Amino acid sequence: MLNKVKSRLFSGKKYITALIILIVILGSCSKKETLSDKIVVEFWHAMGGPLGDALKTMIDEFNNTHPNIKIHGVSMGRYQALSQKLMAAIIANTQPDMAQAYESWIAKFIKGDAIVAIEKFIKGKNGLSEKELSDFYPVFIKSNMINDTIWSFPFNKSVRVMYYNKDIFFQNDLDVNSPPKTWDEFIAVCKILTQDKDGDGRTDQWGTTFSTEVWQFENLLLQAGGEIMNEDNTEPLFNSKEGVEALNHFYDLLNKHKVAYLSTGYDGQNDFLASKVAMVEGSSVSMVYLRKGGIPFNLGLAPVPYNRTKHNLISGTNIVIFRNDKESDNEKKQEACWEFIKWFTSPEQTAKWSLMTFYMPVRKSALQNKELQERFKQHTGLEGIYHQLDYATVEPQIELWFETRKFLGERVIEKVLRNQLTAKEALDNVANQMRKDLKK
């Protein structure tokens, strides 16, 4: 009798064990089937630190709300590393599905037939209506258009901002909510705030500081009423009288008015946080890093001072979709990339991205976002910074300009500021070389 009971118990255990194994197998199959149904998209970017954290938050939200798509973000840490790895991957035919890219890179991608024009998806069945497309700031559409085709789409875009120390303004009887609006006002305030506090003959507090920043020079050029190149990008114009005036504005702040000094890297930003500098220009995204370091005074924000015009240049990268004809699901992956891009640039998400990073929203309607409106109320001057997009333009969309601007930053501007060349001589030299290269 005992043996029979044992036999039955053993059989029951075998049955239960078999049932458990079957459930595990079925569950495993179900999981594999679900994963295989997902379209996995590899996205290379250069976002790190708090910006990388913000992007991860956005990607996680997309993945959680789009069960059939998984965006796999891969950070390269720096733009230079991203550029090098993208070029190497294209040669080896191991490129990602999409990536951040500057306009100069995009021009090379187009030449190599490496990317798909975003316009294809905008006009597709899951595209954008004319009304939706007109909601994008024109400058962002223009910056992604080459030869009348939209090849890429805006991703992380910034404008320049003037940051100022309200405490220093208050201590010097200046209106803390009325920072300088023009070049002349800026110079006047810099003179007041550049001080030798202890009387030892050395400046302890500076009106401002800046580096040999081409973006800042380009803005000054446009504000003076000049242009970088002519409309069809066949003739450089940055060596005009307006270009000379812009570069001399830099020079005068340093050498004539003596209210500024040349800084490198993050030195100027750190001196600003240490209250050694009263006003400093930077990207809108600099706000993220300023807040991270802790701001020990009342911070003021304002659009950059203008001269004859309020024209200004945007900066930042776009997003591209790569061809990968060796993959059988290439078209599905491209559609999944577009789904993410369309979602990321929707009014709600682009407002959220701006709130987290201080990058500019790419849609006009995003400014009506309740949280953005609340932030505008909290920070006097912030809304004016965003409205710089109404006067914004883009750099010439040719590869040669991006090579030229690098030369301007590394060689030309610094030589002028250090009295080695006049502004006219330096700008003429670069413009003449560019004309020769254009003819080639």
Protein backbone atom coordinates (compact mmCIF):
# COMPACT_ATOMS: atom_id res chain seq x y z
CA MET A 1 0.00 0.00 0.00
CA LEU A 2 2.81 2.40 0.94
CA ASN A 3 4.55 1.75 -2.39
CA LYS A 4 1.34 2.61 -4.29
CA VAL A 5 0.99 5.94 -2.42
CA LYS A 6 4.62 6.78 -3.15
CA SER A 7 4.09 5.95 -6.80
CA ARG A 8 1.05 8.23 -7.01
CA LEU A 9 2.88 11.08 -5.23
CA PHE A 10 5.84 10.67 -7.54
CA SER A 11 3.56 10.73 -10.60
CA GLY A 12 1.87 13.87 -9.23
CA LYS A 13 5.22 15.56 -8.77
CA LYS A 14 6.22 14.63 -12.30
CA TYR A 15 2.96 16.09 -13.58
CA ILE A 16 3.43 19.36 -11.65
CA THR A 17 7.07 19.62 -12.76
CA ALA A 18 6.11 19.01 -16.37
CA LEU A 19 3.37 21.62 -16.09
CA ILE A 20 5.80 24.21 -14.68
CA ILE A 21 8.31 23.49 -17.45
CA LEU A 22 5.57 23.86 -20.05
CA ILE A 23 4.48 27.22 -18.58
CA VAL A 24 8.08 28.47 -18.57
CA ILE A 25 8.60 27.37 -22.20
CA LEU A 26 5.36 29.01 -23.32
CA GLY A 27 6.21 32.16 -21.40
CA SER A 28 9.67 32.20 -22.94
CA CYS A 29 8.25 31.73 -26.42
CA SER A 30 5.73 34.48 -25.80
CA LYS A 31 8.53 36.82 -24.64
CA LYS A 32 10.70 36.00 -27.67
CA GLU A 33 7.76 36.52 -29.95
CA THR A 34 7.09 39.96 -28.34
CA LEU A 35 10.73 41.00 -28.64
CA SER A 36 10.94 39.82 -32.23
CA ASP A 37 7.88 41.95 -33.03
CA LYS A 38 9.63 45.08 -31.75
CA ILE A 39 11.54 47.24 -34.22
CA VAL A 40 14.81 48.10 -32.50
CA VAL A 41 16.33 51.42 -33.62
CA GLU A 42 19.92 52.36 -32.82
CA PHE A 43 20.32 56.09 -32.20
CA TRP A 44 23.81 57.59 -31.87
CA HIS A 45 24.11 60.95 -30.10
CA ALA A 46 26.57 63.10 -28.15
CA MET A 47 24.41 64.06 -25.19
CA GLY A 48 26.04 63.54 -21.79
CA GLY A 49 25.62 64.72 -18.20
CA PRO A 50 22.27 66.39 -17.41
CA LEU A 51 21.49 66.68 -21.14
CA GLY A 52 22.06 62.95 -21.57
CA ASP A 53 19.79 62.28 -18.60
CA ALA A 54 17.06 64.43 -20.17
CA LEU A 55 17.36 62.59 -23.48
CA LYS A 56 17.18 59.22 -21.72
CA THR A 57 13.99 60.35 -20.00
CA MET A 58 12.50 61.27 -23.36
CA ILE A 59 13.57 58.00 -25.00
CA ASP A 60 12.18 55.95 -22.09
CA GLU A 61 8.85 57.75 -22.38
CA PHE A 62 8.71 57.06 -26.10
CA ASN A 63 9.56 53.38 -25.62
CA ASN A 64 6.90 53.02 -22.91
CA THR A 65 4.21 54.54 -25.10
CA HIS A 66 5.22 52.78 -28.34
CA PRO A 67 5.20 49.02 -27.60
CA ASN A 68 6.26 48.04 -31.12
CA ILE A 69 9.39 50.24 -31.21
CA LYS A 70 12.48 50.34 -29.01
CA ILE A 71 14.88 53.26 -29.37
CA HIS A 72 18.34 52.21 -28.22
CA GLY A 73 20.28 55.39 -27.45
CA VAL A 74 24.09 55.21 -27.67
CA SER A 75 26.03 58.24 -26.38
CA MET A 76 29.42 58.99 -27.92
CA GLY A 77 30.09 61.62 -25.26
CA ARG A 78 31.39 64.33 -27.59
CA TYR A 79 30.50 65.65 -31.02
CA GLN A 80 34.02 65.02 -32.35
CA ALA A 81 33.83 61.36 -31.33
CA LEU A 82 30.34 61.06 -32.83
CA SER A 83 31.53 62.55 -36.13
CA GLN A 84 34.55 60.23 -36.36
CA LYS A 85 32.57 57.11 -35.50
CA LEU A 86 29.79 57.95 -37.93
CA MET A 87 32.24 58.44 -40.80
CA ALA A 88 34.02 55.17 -39.99
CA ALA A 89 30.71 53.30 -39.65
CA ILE A 90 29.46 54.55 -43.02
CA ILE A 91 32.64 53.32 -44.71
CA ALA A 92 32.25 49.92 -43.01
CA ASN A 93 28.48 49.88 -43.69
CA THR A 94 27.77 49.54 -39.97
CA GLN A 95 26.04 52.89 -39.46
CA PRO A 96 23.25 53.31 -36.88
CA ASP A 97 19.63 53.83 -37.89
CA MET A 98 19.67 57.52 -36.95
CA ALA A 99 21.99 60.06 -35.37
CA GLN A 100 22.58 63.67 -34.43
CA ALA A 101 24.45 65.59 -37.12
CA TYR A 102 25.67 69.09 -37.91
CA GLU A 103 24.90 70.58 -41.32
CA SER A 104 28.50 70.15 -42.50
CA TRP A 105 28.30 66.40 -41.78
CA ILE A 106 24.92 66.17 -43.49
CA ALA A 107 26.38 67.64 -46.69
CA LYS A 108 28.92 64.78 -46.70
CA PHE A 109 26.23 62.19 -45.96
CA ILE A 110 24.20 63.40 -48.94
CA LYS A 111 27.24 63.19 -51.24
CA GLY A 112 27.85 59.63 -50.09
CA ASP A 113 24.17 58.64 -50.49
CA ALA A 114 24.22 57.59 -46.82
CA ILE A 115 20.95 59.14 -45.60
CA VAL A 116 17.29 59.24 -46.55
CA ALA A 117 15.62 62.63 -47.02
CA ILE A 118 13.23 63.35 -44.14
CA GLU A 119 10.96 65.00 -46.70
CA LYS A 120 9.98 61.51 -47.86
CA PHE A 121 8.36 60.85 -44.47
CA ILE A 122 6.91 64.34 -44.05
CA LYS A 123 4.95 63.76 -47.27
CA GLY A 124 4.15 60.11 -46.45
CA LYS A 125 1.00 58.59 -45.00
CA ASN A 126 2.28 59.19 -41.45
CA GLY A 127 3.60 62.63 -42.33
CA LEU A 128 2.81 66.20 -41.37
CA SER A 129 0.00 68.36 -42.66
CA GLU A 130 0.70 71.82 -44.08
CA LYS A 131 -0.73 73.29 -40.88
CA GLU A 132 1.58 71.18 -38.71
CA LEU A 133 4.63 71.98 -40.83
CA SER A 134 3.88 75.72 -40.70
CA ASP A 135 3.95 75.47 -36.88
CA PHE A 136 7.72 74.86 -37.02
CA TYR A 137 9.87 77.97 -36.81
CA PRO A 138 10.94 78.76 -40.40
CA VAL A 139 14.59 78.96 -39.35
CA PHE A 140 14.54 75.28 -38.33
CA ILE A 141 13.08 74.15 -41.63
CA LYS A 142 15.61 76.30 -43.49
CA SER A 143 18.52 74.89 -41.51
CA ASN A 144 17.57 71.36 -42.56
CA MET A 145 16.99 72.10 -46.24
CA ILE A 146 19.65 71.56 -48.88
CA ASN A 147 18.86 72.13 -52.55
CA ASP A 148 15.15 72.63 -51.76
CA THR A 149 14.88 69.24 -50.01
CA ILE A 150 14.41 68.69 -46.27
CA TRP A 151 17.14 66.14 -45.52
CA SER A 152 17.17 66.25 -41.72
CA PHE A 153 15.03 67.58 -38.88
CA PRO A 154 15.77 69.92 -35.92
CA PHE A 155 16.90 68.17 -32.77
CA ASN A 156 18.81 70.22 -30.17
CA LYS A 157 18.81 73.90 -31.11
CA SER A 158 20.03 76.82 -29.02
CA VAL A 159 20.31 80.61 -29.16
CA ARG A 160 22.71 82.98 -27.44
CA VAL A 161 21.82 84.49 -24.07
CA MET A 162 23.23 87.29 -21.96
CA TYR A 163 23.55 86.16 -18.35
CA TYR A 164 24.03 88.89 -15.75
CA ASN A 165 24.49 89.20 -12.00
CA LYS A 166 21.48 91.06 -10.57
CA ASP A 167 23.23 91.53 -7.22
CA ILE A 168 26.09 93.43 -8.86
CA PHE A 169 23.55 95.53 -10.78
CA PHE A 170 21.73 96.35 -7.53
CA GLN A 171 24.96 97.22 -5.69
CA ASN A 172 25.77 99.72 -8.45
CA ASP A 173 22.32 101.36 -8.59
CA LEU A 174 21.41 99.74 -11.91
CA ASP A 175 17.88 98.48 -12.61
CA VAL A 176 18.08 94.72 -12.08
CA ASN A 177 15.27 94.13 -14.60
CA SER A 178 16.63 96.43 -17.33
CA PRO A 179 19.88 94.95 -18.64
CA PRO A 180 21.57 96.61 -21.63
CA LYS A 181 19.65 96.13 -24.88
CA THR A 182 22.08 97.63 -27.42
CA TRP A 183 25.82 97.56 -28.02
CA ASP A 184 26.22 101.15 -26.77
CA GLU A 185 24.25 100.43 -23.60
CA PHE A 186 26.33 97.28 -23.06
CA ILE A 187 29.60 99.22 -23.29
CA ALA A 188 28.27 101.88 -20.89
CA VAL A 189 27.23 99.30 -18.28
CA CYS A 190 30.52 97.40 -18.68
CA LYS A 191 32.38 100.62 -17.86
CA ILE A 192 30.37 101.07 -14.66
CA LEU A 193 30.86 97.46 -13.56
CA THR A 194 34.58 97.10 -14.35
CA GLN A 195 36.18 97.99 -11.03
CA ASP A 196 39.39 97.98 -9.02
CA LYS A 197 37.76 97.43 -5.65
CA ASP A 198 40.83 97.38 -3.44
CA GLY A 199 42.74 100.18 -5.15
CA ASP A 200 45.81 98.12 -6.02
CA GLY A 201 45.74 99.11 -9.68
CA ARG A 202 44.35 95.78 -10.87
CA THR A 203 40.81 95.02 -11.99
CA ASP A 204 38.93 92.83 -9.51
CA GLN A 205 35.53 92.86 -11.23
CA TRP A 206 35.04 92.86 -15.00
CA GLY A 207 32.11 94.05 -17.03
CA THR A 208 32.33 91.00 -19.28
CA THR A 209 34.54 88.29 -20.77
CA PHE A 210 34.49 86.26 -23.96
CA SER A 211 36.52 83.77 -25.96
CA THR A 212 37.41 83.71 -29.66
CA GLU A 213 33.92 82.42 -30.36
CA VAL A 214 32.92 82.40 -34.04
CA TRP A 215 29.23 82.07 -33.18
CA GLN A 216 29.42 85.33 -31.21
CA PHE A 217 31.24 87.07 -34.09
CA GLU A 218 28.62 85.82 -36.56
CA ASN A 219 25.86 87.26 -34.36
CA LEU A 220 27.64 90.61 -34.13
CA LEU A 221 28.06 90.65 -37.91
CA LEU A 222 24.34 90.10 -38.45
CA GLN A 223 23.41 92.64 -35.75
CA ALA A 224 25.58 95.23 -37.51
CA GLY A 225 23.49 94.64 -40.65
CA GLY A 226 25.97 92.40 -42.47
CA GLU A 227 25.78 88.92 -43.99
CA ILE A 228 28.11 85.94 -43.97
CA MET A 229 27.71 85.14 -47.68
CA ASN A 230 25.46 86.15 -50.55
CA GLU A 231 22.13 84.38 -51.09
CA ASP A 232 23.42 81.60 -53.36
CA ASN A 233 26.61 81.07 -51.29
CA THR A 234 28.97 81.99 -54.12
CA GLU A 235 30.56 85.08 -52.56
CA PRO A 236 31.81 85.70 -48.98
CA LEU A 237 30.51 88.96 -47.45
CA PHE A 238 31.80 88.71 -43.88
CA ASN A 239 34.74 91.04 -44.69
CA SER A 240 32.34 93.94 -45.33
CA LYS A 241 32.38 97.16 -43.30
CA GLU A 242 29.81 95.48 -41.00
CA GLY A 243 32.17 92.53 -40.50
CA VAL A 244 35.00 94.89 -39.62
CA GLU A 245 32.68 96.76 -37.25
CA ALA A 246 31.69 93.49 -35.54
CA LEU A 247 35.28 92.35 -35.03
CA ASN A 248 36.30 95.82 -33.85
CA HIS A 249 33.51 95.69 -31.27
CA PHE A 250 35.32 92.70 -29.74
CA TYR A 251 38.64 94.55 -30.01
CA ASP A 252 37.35 97.73 -28.41
CA LEU A 253 35.87 95.93 -25.39
CA LEU A 254 39.31 94.45 -24.74
CA ASN A 255 41.77 97.12 -25.78
CA LYS A 256 39.98 100.48 -25.99
CA HIS A 257 37.40 100.39 -23.22
CA LYS A 258 39.32 97.77 -21.21
CA VAL A 259 36.14 96.28 -19.75
CA ALA A 260 36.72 92.65 -20.80
CA TYR A 261 39.36 89.96 -20.92
CA LEU A 262 39.85 86.89 -23.12
CA SER A 263 38.87 83.60 -21.50
CA THR A 264 39.08 79.99 -22.64
CA GLY A 265 36.94 76.94 -22.03
CA TYR A 266 34.68 77.33 -19.00
CA ASP A 267 36.92 79.90 -17.26
CA GLY A 268 34.62 82.79 -18.10
CA GLN A 269 31.56 80.92 -16.88
CA ASN A 270 33.34 79.99 -13.65
CA ASP A 271 34.48 83.58 -13.08
CA PHE A 272 30.89 84.70 -13.63
CA LEU A 273 29.70 82.25 -10.96
CA ALA A 274 32.43 83.61 -8.66
CA SER A 275 31.08 87.19 -9.22
CA LYS A 276 34.34 88.27 -10.87
CA VAL A 277 32.39 89.05 -14.07
CA ALA A 278 29.10 90.96 -14.18
CA MET A 279 27.79 89.86 -17.60
CA VAL A 280 28.64 86.97 -19.89
CA GLU A 281 27.25 85.62 -23.15
CA GLY A 282 26.63 81.94 -23.64
CA SER A 283 24.31 79.38 -25.14
CA SER A 284 20.78 79.00 -23.77
CA VAL A 285 21.90 75.52 -22.70
CA SER A 286 24.60 77.02 -20.46
CA MET A 287 21.76 77.53 -17.99
CA VAL A 288 21.72 73.78 -17.26
CA TYR A 289 25.37 73.81 -16.22
CA LEU A 290 25.10 77.09 -14.33
CA ARG A 291 22.25 75.67 -12.24
CA LYS A 292 24.09 72.41 -11.72
CA GLY A 293 27.09 74.25 -10.24
CA GLY A 294 24.84 76.33 -8.00
CA ILE A 295 24.25 80.02 -8.62
CA PRO A 296 25.21 82.01 -5.47
CA PHE A 297 23.45 85.23 -6.56
CA ASN A 298 20.29 86.45 -8.26
CA LEU A 299 20.69 85.51 -11.90
CA GLY A 300 19.42 87.71 -14.72
CA LEU A 301 18.62 86.47 -18.22
CA ALA A 302 18.23 88.57 -21.35
CA PRO A 303 18.46 88.43 -25.14
CA VAL A 304 21.92 89.42 -26.41
CA PRO A 305 22.37 93.16 -27.04
CA TYR A 306 21.73 94.18 -30.66
CA ASN A 307 22.96 96.94 -32.94
CA ARG A 308 21.09 97.83 -36.15
CA THR A 309 19.17 94.55 -36.31
CA LYS A 310 18.11 91.75 -33.98
CA HIS A 311 19.21 89.09 -36.46
CA ASN A 312 20.93 86.14 -34.80
CA LEU A 313 22.13 82.64 -35.57
CA ILE A 314 20.84 79.40 -34.11
CA SER A 315 23.25 76.63 -33.18
CA GLY A 316 22.99 72.90 -32.52
CA THR A 317 22.47 69.66 -34.40
CA ASN A 318 19.77 67.98 -36.42
CA ILE A 319 18.72 64.35 -36.67
CA VAL A 320 19.20 62.15 -39.75
CA ILE A 321 17.95 58.74 -40.85
CA PHE A 322 20.54 56.44 -42.46
CA ARG A 323 20.20 54.04 -45.34
CA ASN A 324 21.08 50.45 -44.54
CA ASP A 325 20.11 48.41 -47.58
CA LYS A 326 21.70 45.22 -46.26
CA GLU A 327 18.96 44.90 -43.62
CA SER A 328 15.70 43.28 -44.73
CA ASP A 329 13.63 45.46 -42.37
CA ASN A 330 15.34 48.68 -43.46
CA GLU A 331 12.10 50.41 -44.46
CA LYS A 332 10.38 49.45 -41.20
CA LYS A 333 13.32 50.84 -39.24
CA GLN A 334 13.23 54.09 -41.21
CA GLU A 335 9.51 54.45 -40.49
CA ALA A 336 10.22 53.78 -36.79
CA CYS A 337 12.92 56.48 -36.83
CA TRP A 338 10.43 58.92 -38.32
CA GLU A 339 7.84 57.95 -35.69
CA PHE A 340 10.33 58.93 -32.98
CA ILE A 341 11.33 62.18 -34.72
CA LYS A 342 7.69 63.14 -35.26
CA TRP A 343 6.91 62.41 -31.60
CA PHE A 344 10.03 64.23 -30.30
CA THR A 345 9.17 67.39 -32.28
CA SER A 346 5.48 67.44 -31.36
CA PRO A 347 4.39 70.58 -29.44
CA GLU A 348 4.11 68.74 -26.11
CA GLN A 349 7.45 66.93 -26.32
CA THR A 350 9.50 69.80 -27.74
CA ALA A 351 8.19 71.99 -24.88
CA LYS A 352 9.18 69.28 -22.38
CA TRP A 353 12.65 69.00 -23.96
CA SER A 354 13.07 72.78 -23.65
CA LEU A 355 11.95 72.77 -20.01
CA MET A 356 14.53 70.12 -19.14
CA THR A 357 17.46 71.42 -21.18
CA PHE A 358 16.89 75.07 -22.17
CA TYR A 359 17.24 74.07 -25.82
CA MET A 360 14.74 75.93 -27.94
CA PRO A 361 11.36 74.34 -28.76
CA VAL A 362 11.09 73.81 -32.51
CA ARG A 363 7.35 74.54 -32.70
CA LYS A 364 5.75 77.98 -32.22
CA SER A 365 2.72 76.52 -30.45
CA ALA A 366 5.03 75.01 -27.79
CA LEU A 367 5.41 78.48 -26.25
CA GLN A 368 1.79 78.19 -25.05
CA ASN A 369 2.78 75.27 -22.81
CA LYS A 370 1.61 76.04 -19.25
CA GLU A 371 4.92 75.13 -17.63
CA LEU A 372 6.89 77.25 -20.10
CA GLN A 373 4.53 80.17 -19.51
CA GLU A 374 5.06 79.76 -15.76
CA ARG A 375 8.83 79.77 -16.24
CA PHE A 376 8.59 82.96 -18.29
CA LYS A 377 6.80 84.59 -15.34
CA GLN A 378 9.50 83.42 -12.93
CA HIS A 379 12.44 84.66 -15.04
CA THR A 380 12.16 88.19 -16.43
CA GLY A 381 13.78 88.28 -19.86
CA LEU A 382 13.47 84.57 -20.61
CA GLU A 383 10.51 84.95 -22.98
CA GLY A 384 12.50 87.54 -24.95
CA ILE A 385 15.30 84.99 -25.33
CA TYR A 386 12.89 82.50 -26.87
CA HIS A 387 11.50 85.18 -29.18
CA GLN A 388 14.97 85.62 -30.67
CA LEU A 389 13.80 82.74 -32.88
CA ASP A 390 11.56 85.26 -34.66
CA TYR A 391 14.71 87.01 -35.95
CA ALA A 392 16.93 83.95 -36.33
CA THR A 393 18.70 82.68 -39.41
CA VAL A 394 21.20 79.96 -40.33
CA GLU A 395 24.78 79.69 -41.46
CA PRO A 396 25.54 79.06 -45.15
CA GLN A 397 24.66 75.42 -45.86
CA ILE A 398 27.89 74.57 -47.64
CA GLU A 399 30.78 72.47 -46.45
CA LEU A 400 33.36 75.15 -47.26
CA TRP A 401 31.83 77.62 -44.81
CA PHE A 402 32.22 75.21 -41.90
CA GLU A 403 35.90 74.78 -42.76
CA THR A 404 36.27 78.57 -43.03
CA ARG A 405 34.54 79.30 -39.72
CA LYS A 406 36.91 76.90 -37.96
CA PHE A 407 39.86 78.84 -39.40
CA LEU A 408 38.25 82.13 -38.29
CA GLY A 409 38.02 80.91 -34.71
CA GLU A 410 41.44 79.32 -34.47
CA ARG A 411 43.52 81.91 -36.31
CA VAL A 412 41.81 85.13 -37.36
CA ILE A 413 39.81 86.50 -34.41
CA GLU A 414 42.57 85.91 -31.88
CA LYS A 415 45.19 87.61 -34.09
CA VAL A 416 43.02 90.71 -34.32
CA LEU A 417 42.34 90.78 -30.59
CA ARG A 418 46.05 90.42 -29.86
CA ASN A 419 46.99 93.28 -32.21
CA GLN A 420 48.75 91.06 -34.75
CA LEU A 421 46.43 92.05 -37.64
CA THR A 422 43.74 94.65 -38.20
CA ALA A 423 40.16 93.45 -38.54
CA LYS A 424 40.07 94.45 -42.22
CA GLU A 425 43.36 92.68 -43.06
CA ALA A 426 42.38 89.50 -41.25
CA LEU A 427 38.88 89.23 -42.73
CA ASP A 428 40.10 90.09 -46.26
CA ASN A 429 42.73 87.34 -46.08
CA VAL A 430 40.12 84.71 -45.20
CA ALA A 431 37.58 85.98 -47.73
CA ASN A 432 40.15 85.96 -50.56
CA GLN A 433 41.16 82.39 -49.73
CA MET A 434 37.52 81.35 -49.65
CA ARG A 435 36.93 82.89 -53.09
CA LYS A 436 39.78 80.78 -54.49
CA ASP A 437 38.36 77.65 -52.90
CA LEU A 438 34.88 78.42 -54.24
CA LYS A 439 36.26 78.64 -57.78
CA LYS A 440 37.80 75.20 -57.40
